Amino acid sequence: MRFLIIIISMLVSGCSIVNVFETPADYERKHFAADLKSGIDRAVQDEKKGLRPQGMVDADSPDAWTRYWNDRIKHFRADGITILEHYRGPNGAWFVDYIITERRNHGLPEIQK
């Protein structure tokens, strides 16, 4: 009977019980790239809505989005994500292309240097 309760509990909770046993290496391998992409998507939508860039000290300045994107692109061009030992996603150049393409697709201005 106890075994049946455990099985039913696992089925009801779905996959979340399995995620408890994931390691940081599993996160780097399976989820890190998706989280980066989601952050880019969210920032593009915020810019399109006229919101301020998150995490910037002087986000009210007129060139805040330009500085935000230049900073992100600089980081991706340095390919800082490759220092993650278990990362298996796209490289920094892919993310730079993704930023530029997504901004163009949403009618946002070209990023000035």
PDB file of N, CA and C in Angstrom:
ATOM      1  N   MET A   1       0.819  -1.195   0.000  1.00  0.00           N
ATOM      2  CA  MET A   1       0.000   0.000   0.000  1.00  0.00           C
ATOM      3  C   MET A   1       0.872   1.271   0.000  1.00  0.00           C
ATOM      4  N   ARG A   2       1.913   1.272   0.822  1.00  0.00           N
ATOM      5  CA  ARG A   2       2.809   2.424   0.888  1.00  0.00           C
ATOM      6  C   ARG A   2       3.457   2.663  -0.474  1.00  0.00           C
ATOM      7  N   PHE A   3       3.860   1.596  -1.162  1.00  0.00           N
ATOM      8  CA  PHE A   3       4.461   1.696  -2.487  1.00  0.00           C
ATOM      9  C   PHE A   3       3.500   2.349  -3.474  1.00  0.00           C
ATOM     10  N   LEU A   4       2.232   1.965  -3.405  1.00  0.00           N
ATOM     11  CA  LEU A   4       1.208   2.534  -4.291  1.00  0.00           C
ATOM     12  C   LEU A   4       1.058   4.034  -4.056  1.00  0.00           C
ATOM     13  N   ILE A   5       1.096   4.448  -2.809  1.00  0.00           N
ATOM     14  CA  ILE A   5       0.979   5.874  -2.476  1.00  0.00           C
ATOM     15  C   ILE A   5       2.179   6.640  -3.038  1.00  0.00           C
ATOM     16  N   ILE A   6       3.356   6.066  -2.936  1.00  0.00           N
ATOM     17  CA  ILE A   6       4.565   6.716  -3.470  1.00  0.00           C
ATOM     18  C   ILE A   6       4.461   6.858  -4.985  1.00  0.00           C
ATOM     19  N   ILE A   7       4.028   5.814  -5.664  1.00  0.00           N
ATOM     20  CA  ILE A   7       3.887   5.855  -7.128  1.00  0.00           C
ATOM     21  C   ILE A   7       2.855   6.904  -7.528  1.00  0.00           C
ATOM     22  N   ILE A   8       1.727   6.921  -6.866  1.00  0.00           N
ATOM     23  CA  ILE A   8       0.682   7.909  -7.193  1.00  0.00           C
ATOM     24  C   ILE A   8       1.200   9.324  -6.939  1.00  0.00           C
ATOM     25  N   SER A   9       1.915   9.527  -5.845  1.00  0.00           N
ATOM     26  CA  SER A   9       2.481  10.850  -5.549  1.00  0.00           C
ATOM     27  C   SER A   9       3.442  11.303  -6.642  1.00  0.00           C
ATOM     28  N   MET A  10       4.264  10.383  -7.109  1.00  0.00           N
ATOM     29  CA  MET A  10       5.209  10.722  -8.166  1.00  0.00           C
ATOM     30  C   MET A  10       4.487  11.058  -9.459  1.00  0.00           C
ATOM     31  N   LEU A  11       3.438  10.331  -9.788  1.00  0.00           N
ATOM     32  CA  LEU A  11       2.690  10.601 -11.013  1.00  0.00           C
ATOM     33  C   LEU A  11       1.973  11.938 -10.938  1.00  0.00           C
ATOM     34  N   VAL A  12       1.414  12.250  -9.791  1.00  0.00           N
ATOM     35  CA  VAL A  12       0.693  13.513  -9.621  1.00  0.00           C
ATOM     36  C   VAL A  12       1.648  14.693  -9.670  1.00  0.00           C
ATOM     37  N   SER A  13       2.845  14.542  -9.104  1.00  0.00           N
ATOM     38  CA  SER A  13       3.792  15.654  -9.077  1.00  0.00           C
ATOM     39  C   SER A  13       4.470  15.875 -10.417  1.00  0.00           C
ATOM     40  N   GLY A  14       4.341  14.951 -11.340  1.00  0.00           N
ATOM     41  CA  GLY A  14       4.934  15.098 -12.663  1.00  0.00           C
ATOM     42  C   GLY A  14       6.437  14.966 -12.611  1.00  0.00           C
ATOM     43  N   CYS A  15       7.121  15.672 -13.497  1.00  0.00           N
ATOM     44  CA  CYS A  15       8.579  15.560 -13.617  1.00  0.00           C
ATOM     45  C   CYS A  15       9.311  16.344 -12.553  1.00  0.00           C
ATOM     46  N   SER A  16       8.604  17.180 -11.810  1.00  0.00           N
ATOM     47  CA  SER A  16       9.294  18.055 -10.866  1.00  0.00           C
ATOM     48  C   SER A  16      10.116  17.270  -9.848  1.00  0.00           C
ATOM     49  N   ILE A  17       9.670  16.101  -9.497  1.00  0.00           N
ATOM     50  CA  ILE A  17      10.416  15.287  -8.541  1.00  0.00           C
ATOM     51  C   ILE A  17      11.777  14.890  -9.115  1.00  0.00           C
ATOM     52  N   VAL A  18      11.841  14.695 -10.427  1.00  0.00           N
ATOM     53  CA  VAL A  18      13.086  14.309 -11.071  1.00  0.00           C
ATOM     54  C   VAL A  18      14.079  15.478 -11.056  1.00  0.00           C
ATOM     55  N   ASN A  19      13.579  16.698 -11.216  1.00  0.00           N
ATOM     56  CA  ASN A  19      14.453  17.869 -11.258  1.00  0.00           C
ATOM     57  C   ASN A  19      15.191  18.107  -9.953  1.00  0.00           C
ATOM     58  N   VAL A  20      14.685  17.563  -8.868  1.00  0.00           N
ATOM     59  CA  VAL A  20      15.343  17.714  -7.577  1.00  0.00           C
ATOM     60  C   VAL A  20      16.741  17.106  -7.623  1.00  0.00           C
ATOM     61  N   PHE A  21      16.911  16.085  -8.433  1.00  0.00           N
ATOM     62  CA  PHE A  21      18.178  15.375  -8.480  1.00  0.00           C
ATOM     63  C   PHE A  21      19.131  15.909  -9.547  1.00  0.00           C
ATOM     64  N   GLU A  22      18.764  16.995 -10.226  1.00  0.00           N
ATOM     65  CA  GLU A  22      19.656  17.564 -11.231  1.00  0.00           C
ATOM     66  C   GLU A  22      20.797  18.320 -10.569  1.00  0.00           C
ATOM     67  N   THR A  23      21.925  18.289 -11.209  1.00  0.00           N
ATOM     68  CA  THR A  23      23.115  18.970 -10.697  1.00  0.00           C
ATOM     69  C   THR A  23      23.326  20.273 -11.471  1.00  0.00           C
ATOM     70  N   PRO A  24      24.233  21.138 -11.027  1.00  0.00           N
ATOM     71  CA  PRO A  24      24.562  22.330 -11.810  1.00  0.00           C
ATOM     72  C   PRO A  24      25.042  21.969 -13.218  1.00  0.00           C
ATOM     73  N   ALA A  25      25.719  20.845 -13.353  1.00  0.00           N
ATOM     74  CA  ALA A  25      26.174  20.416 -14.678  1.00  0.00           C
ATOM     75  C   ALA A  25      24.975  20.107 -15.576  1.00  0.00           C
ATOM     76  N   ASP A  26      23.926  19.516 -15.007  1.00  0.00           N
ATOM     77  CA  ASP A  26      22.711  19.241 -15.782  1.00  0.00           C
ATOM     78  C   ASP A  26      22.069  20.554 -16.243  1.00  0.00           C
ATOM     79  N   TYR A  27      22.056  21.544 -15.349  1.00  0.00           N
ATOM     80  CA  TYR A  27      21.505  22.848 -15.718  1.00  0.00           C
ATOM     81  C   TYR A  27      22.288  23.456 -16.880  1.00  0.00           C
ATOM     82  N   GLU A  28      23.617  23.439 -16.793  1.00  0.00           N
ATOM     83  CA  GLU A  28      24.444  23.997 -17.876  1.00  0.00           C
ATOM     84  C   GLU A  28      24.169  23.281 -19.192  1.00  0.00           C
ATOM     85  N   ARG A  29      24.052  21.986 -19.136  1.00  0.00           N
ATOM     86  CA  ARG A  29      23.837  21.185 -20.344  1.00  0.00           C
ATOM     87  C   ARG A  29      22.452  21.380 -20.935  1.00  0.00           C
ATOM     88  N   LYS A  30      21.433  21.418 -20.093  1.00  0.00           N
ATOM     89  CA  LYS A  30      20.051  21.331 -20.578  1.00  0.00           C
ATOM     90  C   LYS A  30      19.288  22.659 -20.615  1.00  0.00           C
ATOM     91  N   HIS A  31      19.625  23.602 -19.741  1.00  0.00           N
ATOM     92  CA  HIS A  31      18.745  24.766 -19.576  1.00  0.00           C
ATOM     93  C   HIS A  31      19.402  26.123 -19.754  1.00  0.00           C
ATOM     94  N   PHE A  32      20.712  26.210 -19.648  1.00  0.00           N
ATOM     95  CA  PHE A  32      21.386  27.505 -19.643  1.00  0.00           C
ATOM     96  C   PHE A  32      21.129  28.292 -20.931  1.00  0.00           C
ATOM     97  N   ALA A  33      21.265  27.648 -22.078  1.00  0.00           N
ATOM     98  CA  ALA A  33      21.063  28.341 -23.361  1.00  0.00           C
ATOM     99  C   ALA A  33      19.626  28.843 -23.491  1.00  0.00           C
ATOM    100  N   ALA A  34      18.667  28.033 -23.057  1.00  0.00           N
ATOM    101  CA  ALA A  34      17.256  28.445 -23.129  1.00  0.00           C
ATOM    102  C   ALA A  34      17.002  29.651 -22.231  1.00  0.00           C
ATOM    103  N   ASP A  35      17.647  29.684 -21.070  1.00  0.00           N
ATOM    104  CA  ASP A  35      17.485  30.830 -20.179  1.00  0.00           C
ATOM    105  C   ASP A  35      18.106  32.094 -20.776  1.00  0.00           C
ATOM    106  N   LEU A  36      19.258  31.965 -21.417  1.00  0.00           N
ATOM    107  CA  LEU A  36      19.860  33.121 -22.091  1.00  0.00           C
ATOM    108  C   LEU A  36      18.939  33.647 -23.184  1.00  0.00           C
ATOM    109  N   LYS A  37      18.410  32.733 -23.992  1.00  0.00           N
ATOM    110  CA  LYS A  37      17.514  33.108 -25.092  1.00  0.00           C
ATOM    111  C   LYS A  37      16.253  33.780 -24.552  1.00  0.00           C
ATOM    112  N   SER A  38      15.698  33.243 -23.479  1.00  0.00           N
ATOM    113  CA  SER A  38      14.506  33.850 -22.866  1.00  0.00           C
ATOM    114  C   SER A  38      14.797  35.256 -22.359  1.00  0.00           C
ATOM    115  N   GLY A  39      15.974  35.452 -21.791  1.00  0.00           N
ATOM    116  CA  GLY A  39      16.360  36.785 -21.318  1.00  0.00           C
ATOM    117  C   GLY A  39      16.471  37.781 -22.460  1.00  0.00           C
ATOM    118  N   ILE A  40      17.005  37.334 -23.585  1.00  0.00           N
ATOM    119  CA  ILE A  40      17.092  38.195 -24.773  1.00  0.00           C
ATOM    120  C   ILE A  40      15.694  38.521 -25.274  1.00  0.00           C
ATOM    121  N   ASP A  41      14.841  37.514 -25.360  1.00  0.00           N
ATOM    122  CA  ASP A  41      13.458  37.730 -25.820  1.00  0.00           C
ATOM    123  C   ASP A  41      12.730  38.725 -24.925  1.00  0.00           C
ATOM    124  N   ARG A  42      12.905  38.574 -23.621  1.00  0.00           N
ATOM    125  CA  ARG A  42      12.251  39.462 -22.660  1.00  0.00           C
ATOM    126  C   ARG A  42      12.767  40.893 -22.823  1.00  0.00           C
ATOM    127  N   ALA A  43      14.070  41.050 -23.010  1.00  0.00           N
ATOM    128  CA  ALA A  43      14.655  42.390 -23.168  1.00  0.00           C
ATOM    129  C   ALA A  43      14.167  43.045 -24.462  1.00  0.00           C
ATOM    130  N   VAL A  44      14.068  42.281 -25.537  1.00  0.00           N
ATOM    131  CA  VAL A  44      13.552  42.823 -26.809  1.00  0.00           C
ATOM    132  C   VAL A  44      12.118  43.314 -26.610  1.00  0.00           C
ATOM    133  N   GLN A  45      11.301  42.520 -25.927  1.00  0.00           N
ATOM    134  CA  GLN A  45       9.914  42.930 -25.672  1.00  0.00           C
ATOM    135  C   GLN A  45       9.858  44.173 -24.789  1.00  0.00           C
ATOM    136  N   ASP A  46      10.713  44.238 -23.777  1.00  0.00           N
ATOM    137  CA  ASP A  46      10.754  45.429 -22.912  1.00  0.00           C
ATOM    138  C   ASP A  46      11.143  46.671 -23.704  1.00  0.00           C
ATOM    139  N   GLU A  47      12.137  46.532 -24.569  1.00  0.00           N
ATOM    140  CA  GLU A  47      12.556  47.675 -25.385  1.00  0.00           C
ATOM    141  C   GLU A  47      11.420  48.102 -26.305  1.00  0.00           C
ATOM    142  N   LYS A  48      10.755  47.138 -26.892  1.00  0.00           N
ATOM    143  CA  LYS A  48       9.645  47.438 -27.803  1.00  0.00           C
ATOM    144  C   LYS A  48       8.513  48.168 -27.071  1.00  0.00           C
ATOM    145  N   LYS A  49       8.295  47.821 -25.811  1.00  0.00           N
ATOM    146  CA  LYS A  49       7.238  48.452 -25.004  1.00  0.00           C
ATOM    147  C   LYS A  49       7.664  49.802 -24.439  1.00  0.00           C
ATOM    148  N   GLY A  50       8.943  50.168 -24.634  1.00  0.00           N
ATOM    149  CA  GLY A  50       9.431  51.443 -24.119  1.00  0.00           C
ATOM    150  C   GLY A  50       9.837  51.386 -22.660  1.00  0.00           C
ATOM    151  N   LEU A  51      10.028  50.180 -22.133  1.00  0.00           N
ATOM    152  CA  LEU A  51      10.475  50.035 -20.750  1.00  0.00           C
ATOM    153  C   LEU A  51      11.984  50.227 -20.659  1.00  0.00           C
ATOM    154  N   ARG A  52      12.471  50.395 -19.455  1.00  0.00           N
ATOM    155  CA  ARG A  52      13.903  50.576 -19.238  1.00  0.00           C
ATOM    156  C   ARG A  52      14.620  49.233 -19.184  1.00  0.00           C
ATOM    157  N   PRO A  53      15.887  49.204 -19.574  1.00  0.00           N
ATOM    158  CA  PRO A  53      16.657  47.962 -19.445  1.00  0.00           C
ATOM    159  C   PRO A  53      16.839  47.583 -17.974  1.00  0.00           C
ATOM    160  N   GLN A  54      16.661  46.326 -17.690  1.00  0.00           N
ATOM    161  CA  GLN A  54      16.822  45.869 -16.315  1.00  0.00           C
ATOM    162  C   GLN A  54      18.298  45.796 -15.938  1.00  0.00           C
ATOM    163  N   GLY A  55      18.575  46.168 -14.713  1.00  0.00           N
ATOM    164  CA  GLY A  55      19.926  46.030 -14.188  1.00  0.00           C
ATOM    165  C   GLY A  55      20.879  47.153 -14.527  1.00  0.00           C
ATOM    166  N   MET A  56      20.393  48.205 -15.152  1.00  0.00           N
ATOM    167  CA  MET A  56      21.278  49.323 -15.486  1.00  0.00           C
ATOM    168  C   MET A  56      21.092  50.443 -14.470  1.00  0.00           C
ATOM    169  N   VAL A  57      22.190  51.018 -14.035  1.00  0.00           N
ATOM    170  CA  VAL A  57      22.153  52.077 -13.026  1.00  0.00           C
ATOM    171  C   VAL A  57      21.468  53.320 -13.575  1.00  0.00           C
ATOM    172  N   ASP A  58      21.843  53.735 -14.773  1.00  0.00           N
ATOM    173  CA  ASP A  58      21.259  54.951 -15.358  1.00  0.00           C
ATOM    174  C   ASP A  58      20.355  54.579 -16.532  1.00  0.00           C
ATOM    175  N   ALA A  59      19.369  53.757 -16.250  1.00  0.00           N
ATOM    176  CA  ALA A  59      18.481  53.237 -17.295  1.00  0.00           C
ATOM    177  C   ALA A  59      17.578  54.303 -17.899  1.00  0.00           C
ATOM    178  N   ASP A  60      17.533  55.491 -17.283  1.00  0.00           N
ATOM    179  CA  ASP A  60      16.682  56.557 -17.814  1.00  0.00           C
ATOM    180  C   ASP A  60      17.326  57.335 -18.945  1.00  0.00           C
ATOM    181  N   SER A  61      18.617  57.150 -19.159  1.00  0.00           N
ATOM    182  CA  SER A  61      19.273  57.922 -20.208  1.00  0.00           C
ATOM    183  C   SER A  61      18.803  57.457 -21.586  1.00  0.00           C
ATOM    184  N   PRO A  62      18.823  58.373 -22.567  1.00  0.00           N
ATOM    185  CA  PRO A  62      18.292  58.063 -23.903  1.00  0.00           C
ATOM    186  C   PRO A  62      19.018  56.919 -24.608  1.00  0.00           C
ATOM    187  N   ASP A  63      20.285  56.719 -24.294  1.00  0.00           N
ATOM    188  CA  ASP A  63      21.029  55.672 -24.987  1.00  0.00           C
ATOM    189  C   ASP A  63      21.153  54.390 -24.153  1.00  0.00           C
ATOM    190  N   ALA A  64      20.273  54.231 -23.174  1.00  0.00           N
ATOM    191  CA  ALA A  64      20.361  53.091 -22.261  1.00  0.00           C
ATOM    192  C   ALA A  64      20.267  51.757 -22.999  1.00  0.00           C
ATOM    193  N   TRP A  65      19.345  51.635 -23.939  1.00  0.00           N
ATOM    194  CA  TRP A  65      19.214  50.363 -24.655  1.00  0.00           C
ATOM    195  C   TRP A  65      20.428  50.085 -25.531  1.00  0.00           C
ATOM    196  N   THR A  66      20.975  51.122 -26.146  1.00  0.00           N
ATOM    197  CA  THR A  66      22.180  50.937 -26.952  1.00  0.00           C
ATOM    198  C   THR A  66      23.311  50.419 -26.084  1.00  0.00           C
ATOM    199  N   ARG A  67      23.516  51.024 -24.930  1.00  0.00           N
ATOM    200  CA  ARG A  67      24.570  50.576 -24.027  1.00  0.00           C
ATOM    201  C   ARG A  67      24.297  49.168 -23.494  1.00  0.00           C
ATOM    202  N   TYR A  68      23.024  48.893 -23.203  1.00  0.00           N
ATOM    203  CA  TYR A  68      22.646  47.560 -22.724  1.00  0.00           C
ATOM    204  C   TYR A  68      23.008  46.486 -23.755  1.00  0.00           C
ATOM    205  N   TRP A  69      22.572  46.712 -25.010  1.00  0.00           N
ATOM    206  CA  TRP A  69      22.836  45.700 -26.050  1.00  0.00           C
ATOM    207  C   TRP A  69      24.322  45.600 -26.371  1.00  0.00           C
ATOM    208  N   ASN A  70      25.023  46.733 -26.407  1.00  0.00           N
ATOM    209  CA  ASN A  70      26.468  46.679 -26.658  1.00  0.00           C
ATOM    210  C   ASN A  70      27.187  45.884 -25.567  1.00  0.00           C
ATOM    211  N   ASP A  71      26.738  46.023 -24.333  1.00  0.00           N
ATOM    212  CA  ASP A  71      27.339  45.276 -23.235  1.00  0.00           C
ATOM    213  C   ASP A  71      27.062  43.773 -23.387  1.00  0.00           C
ATOM    214  N   ARG A  72      25.822  43.432 -23.718  1.00  0.00           N
ATOM    215  CA  ARG A  72      25.482  42.008 -23.914  1.00  0.00           C
ATOM    216  C   ARG A  72      26.280  41.418 -25.079  1.00  0.00           C
ATOM    217  N   ILE A  73      26.357  42.159 -26.178  1.00  0.00           N
ATOM    218  CA  ILE A  73      27.089  41.679 -27.359  1.00  0.00           C
ATOM    219  C   ILE A  73      28.570  41.524 -27.040  1.00  0.00           C
ATOM    220  N   LYS A  74      29.132  42.490 -26.310  1.00  0.00           N
ATOM    221  CA  LYS A  74      30.544  42.390 -25.919  1.00  0.00           C
ATOM    222  C   LYS A  74      30.784  41.106 -25.126  1.00  0.00           C
ATOM    223  N   HIS A  75      29.890  40.805 -24.203  1.00  0.00           N
ATOM    224  CA  HIS A  75      30.013  39.586 -23.401  1.00  0.00           C
ATOM    225  C   HIS A  75      29.923  38.341 -24.291  1.00  0.00           C
ATOM    226  N   PHE A  76      28.946  38.316 -25.191  1.00  0.00           N
ATOM    227  CA  PHE A  76      28.793  37.142 -26.060  1.00  0.00           C
ATOM    228  C   PHE A  76      29.963  36.998 -27.026  1.00  0.00           C
ATOM    229  N   ARG A  77      30.486  38.121 -27.528  1.00  0.00           N
ATOM    230  CA  ARG A  77      31.640  38.032 -28.432  1.00  0.00           C
ATOM    231  C   ARG A  77      32.872  37.509 -27.713  1.00  0.00           C
ATOM    232  N   ALA A  78      32.985  37.811 -26.435  1.00  0.00           N
ATOM    233  CA  ALA A  78      34.085  37.268 -25.648  1.00  0.00           C
ATOM    234  C   ALA A  78      33.854  35.785 -25.371  1.00  0.00           C
ATOM    235  N   ASP A  79      32.653  35.310 -25.694  1.00  0.00           N
ATOM    236  CA  ASP A  79      32.255  33.915 -25.540  1.00  0.00           C
ATOM    237  C   ASP A  79      32.486  33.425 -24.113  1.00  0.00           C
ATOM    238  N   GLY A  80      32.059  34.261 -23.164  1.00  0.00           N
ATOM    239  CA  GLY A  80      32.193  33.906 -21.763  1.00  0.00           C
ATOM    240  C   GLY A  80      31.464  32.649 -21.359  1.00  0.00           C
ATOM    241  N   ILE A  81      30.480  32.233 -22.144  1.00  0.00           N
ATOM    242  CA  ILE A  81      29.734  31.032 -21.770  1.00  0.00           C
ATOM    243  C   ILE A  81      30.547  29.758 -21.954  1.00  0.00           C
ATOM    244  N   THR A  82      31.598  29.827 -22.734  1.00  0.00           N
ATOM    245  CA  THR A  82      32.393  28.617 -22.948  1.00  0.00           C
ATOM    246  C   THR A  82      33.224  28.246 -21.726  1.00  0.00           C
ATOM    247  N   ILE A  83      33.287  29.141 -20.738  1.00  0.00           N
ATOM    248  CA  ILE A  83      34.007  28.775 -19.514  1.00  0.00           C
ATOM    249  C   ILE A  83      33.208  27.774 -18.683  1.00  0.00           C
ATOM    250  N   LEU A  84      31.932  27.631 -18.995  1.00  0.00           N
ATOM    251  CA  LEU A  84      31.115  26.651 -18.291  1.00  0.00           C
ATOM    252  C   LEU A  84      31.497  25.261 -18.778  1.00  0.00           C
ATOM    253  N   GLU A  85      31.974  24.466 -17.905  1.00  0.00           N
ATOM    254  CA  GLU A  85      32.547  23.166 -18.257  1.00  0.00           C
ATOM    255  C   GLU A  85      31.562  22.237 -18.962  1.00  0.00           C
ATOM    256  N   HIS A  86      30.301  22.271 -18.569  1.00  0.00           N
ATOM    257  CA  HIS A  86      29.336  21.303 -19.092  1.00  0.00           C
ATOM    258  C   HIS A  86      28.378  21.897 -20.127  1.00  0.00           C
ATOM    259  N   TYR A  87      28.583  23.163 -20.481  1.00  0.00           N
ATOM    260  CA  TYR A  87      27.685  23.826 -21.427  1.00  0.00           C
ATOM    261  C   TYR A  87      27.776  23.182 -22.809  1.00  0.00           C
ATOM    262  N   ARG A  88      26.612  22.933 -23.415  1.00  0.00           N
ATOM    263  CA  ARG A  88      26.578  22.286 -24.725  1.00  0.00           C
ATOM    264  C   ARG A  88      25.692  23.040 -25.721  1.00  0.00           C
ATOM    265  N   GLY A  89      25.423  24.318 -25.468  1.00  0.00           N
ATOM    266  CA  GLY A  89      24.531  25.080 -26.330  1.00  0.00           C
ATOM    267  C   GLY A  89      25.274  25.890 -27.368  1.00  0.00           C
ATOM    268  N   PRO A  90      24.556  26.813 -28.003  1.00  0.00           N
ATOM    269  CA  PRO A  90      25.159  27.664 -29.032  1.00  0.00           C
ATOM    270  C   PRO A  90      26.279  28.528 -28.453  1.00  0.00           C
ATOM    271  N   ASN A  91      27.199  28.939 -29.322  1.00  0.00           N
ATOM    272  CA  ASN A  91      28.297  29.787 -28.872  1.00  0.00           C
ATOM    273  C   ASN A  91      27.865  31.255 -28.838  1.00  0.00           C
ATOM    274  N   GLY A  92      28.772  32.103 -28.405  1.00  0.00           N
ATOM    275  CA  GLY A  92      28.458  33.522 -28.271  1.00  0.00           C
ATOM    276  C   GLY A  92      28.066  34.188 -29.572  1.00  0.00           C
ATOM    277  N   ALA A  93      28.693  33.796 -30.679  1.00  0.00           N
ATOM    278  CA  ALA A  93      28.367  34.393 -31.982  1.00  0.00           C
ATOM    279  C   ALA A  93      26.916  34.131 -32.352  1.00  0.00           C
ATOM    280  N   TRP A  94      26.416  32.947 -32.012  1.00  0.00           N
ATOM    281  CA  TRP A  94      25.013  32.624 -32.299  1.00  0.00           C
ATOM    282  C   TRP A  94      24.090  33.578 -31.549  1.00  0.00           C
ATOM    283  N   PHE A  95      24.420  33.856 -30.277  1.00  0.00           N
ATOM    284  CA  PHE A  95      23.580  34.759 -29.483  1.00  0.00           C
ATOM    285  C   PHE A  95      23.644  36.189 -30.004  1.00  0.00           C
ATOM    286  N   VAL A  96      24.804  36.624 -30.485  1.00  0.00           N
ATOM    287  CA  VAL A  96      24.914  37.965 -31.088  1.00  0.00           C
ATOM    288  C   VAL A  96      24.007  38.042 -32.310  1.00  0.00           C
ATOM    289  N   ASP A  97      24.069  37.060 -33.183  1.00  0.00           N
ATOM    290  CA  ASP A  97      23.195  37.032 -34.358  1.00  0.00           C
ATOM    291  C   ASP A  97      21.725  37.001 -33.954  1.00  0.00           C
ATOM    292  N   TYR A  98      21.427  36.250 -32.908  1.00  0.00           N
ATOM    293  CA  TYR A  98      20.039  36.164 -32.440  1.00  0.00           C
ATOM    294  C   TYR A  98      19.533  37.519 -31.950  1.00  0.00           C
ATOM    295  N   ILE A  99      20.356  38.238 -31.193  1.00  0.00           N
ATOM    296  CA  ILE A  99      19.968  39.568 -30.712  1.00  0.00           C
ATOM    297  C   ILE A  99      19.667  40.490 -31.895  1.00  0.00           C
ATOM    298  N   ILE A 100      20.568  40.538 -32.842  1.00  0.00           N
ATOM    299  CA  ILE A 100      20.407  41.434 -33.999  1.00  0.00           C
ATOM    300  C   ILE A 100      19.176  41.054 -34.805  1.00  0.00           C
ATOM    301  N   THR A 101      18.991  39.784 -35.064  1.00  0.00           N
ATOM    302  CA  THR A 101      17.845  39.310 -35.853  1.00  0.00           C
ATOM    303  C   THR A 101      16.529  39.594 -35.146  1.00  0.00           C
ATOM    304  N   GLU A 102      16.452  39.275 -33.864  1.00  0.00           N
ATOM    305  CA  GLU A 102      15.204  39.490 -33.123  1.00  0.00           C
ATOM    306  C   GLU A 102      14.838  40.974 -33.053  1.00  0.00           C
ATOM    307  N   ARG A 103      15.826  41.815 -32.843  1.00  0.00           N
ATOM    308  CA  ARG A 103      15.536  43.252 -32.794  1.00  0.00           C
ATOM    309  C   ARG A 103      15.030  43.740 -34.154  1.00  0.00           C
ATOM    310  N   ARG A 104      15.651  43.271 -35.229  1.00  0.00           N
ATOM    311  CA  ARG A 104      15.186  43.642 -36.571  1.00  0.00           C
ATOM    312  C   ARG A 104      13.768  43.134 -36.820  1.00  0.00           C
ATOM    313  N   ASN A 105      13.505  41.895 -36.427  1.00  0.00           N
ATOM    314  CA  ASN A 105      12.180  41.304 -36.620  1.00  0.00           C
ATOM    315  C   ASN A 105      11.092  42.069 -35.885  1.00  0.00           C
ATOM    316  N   HIS A 106      11.463  42.753 -34.818  1.00  0.00           N
ATOM    317  CA  HIS A 106      10.492  43.522 -34.042  1.00  0.00           C
ATOM    318  C   HIS A 106      10.518  45.013 -34.388  1.00  0.00           C
ATOM    319  N   GLY A 107      11.238  45.367 -35.442  1.00  0.00           N
ATOM    320  CA  GLY A 107      11.246  46.752 -35.917  1.00  0.00           C
ATOM    321  C   GLY A 107      12.018  47.724 -35.047  1.00  0.00           C
ATOM    322  N   LEU A 108      12.933  47.213 -34.258  1.00  0.00           N
ATOM    323  CA  LEU A 108      13.740  48.085 -33.408  1.00  0.00           C
ATOM    324  C   LEU A 108      14.933  48.623 -34.190  1.00  0.00           C
ATOM    325  N   PRO A 109      15.462  49.777 -33.816  1.00  0.00           N
ATOM    326  CA  PRO A 109      16.566  50.379 -34.568  1.00  0.00           C
ATOM    327  C   PRO A 109      17.852  49.547 -34.456  1.00  0.00           C
ATOM    328  N   GLU A 110      18.711  49.731 -35.426  1.00  0.00           N
ATOM    329  CA  GLU A 110      20.015  49.063 -35.407  1.00  0.00           C
ATOM    330  C   GLU A 110      20.792  49.538 -34.175  1.00  0.00           C
ATOM    331  N   ILE A 111      21.604  48.663 -33.652  1.00  0.00           N
ATOM    332  CA  ILE A 111      22.405  48.997 -32.470  1.00  0.00           C
ATOM    333  C   ILE A 111      23.607  49.830 -32.916  1.00  0.00           C
ATOM    334  N   GLN A 112      23.728  51.011 -32.322  1.00  0.00           N
ATOM    335  CA  GLN A 112      24.854  51.894 -32.626  1.00  0.00           C
ATOM    336  C   GLN A 112      26.009  51.555 -31.698  1.00  0.00           C
ATOM    337  N   LYS A 113      27.211  51.671 -32.216  1.00  0.00           N
ATOM    338  CA  LYS A 113      28.382  51.396 -31.379  1.00  0.00           C
ATOM    339  C   LYS A 113      28.824  52.608 -30.636  1.00  0.00           C
TER     340      LYS A 113
END
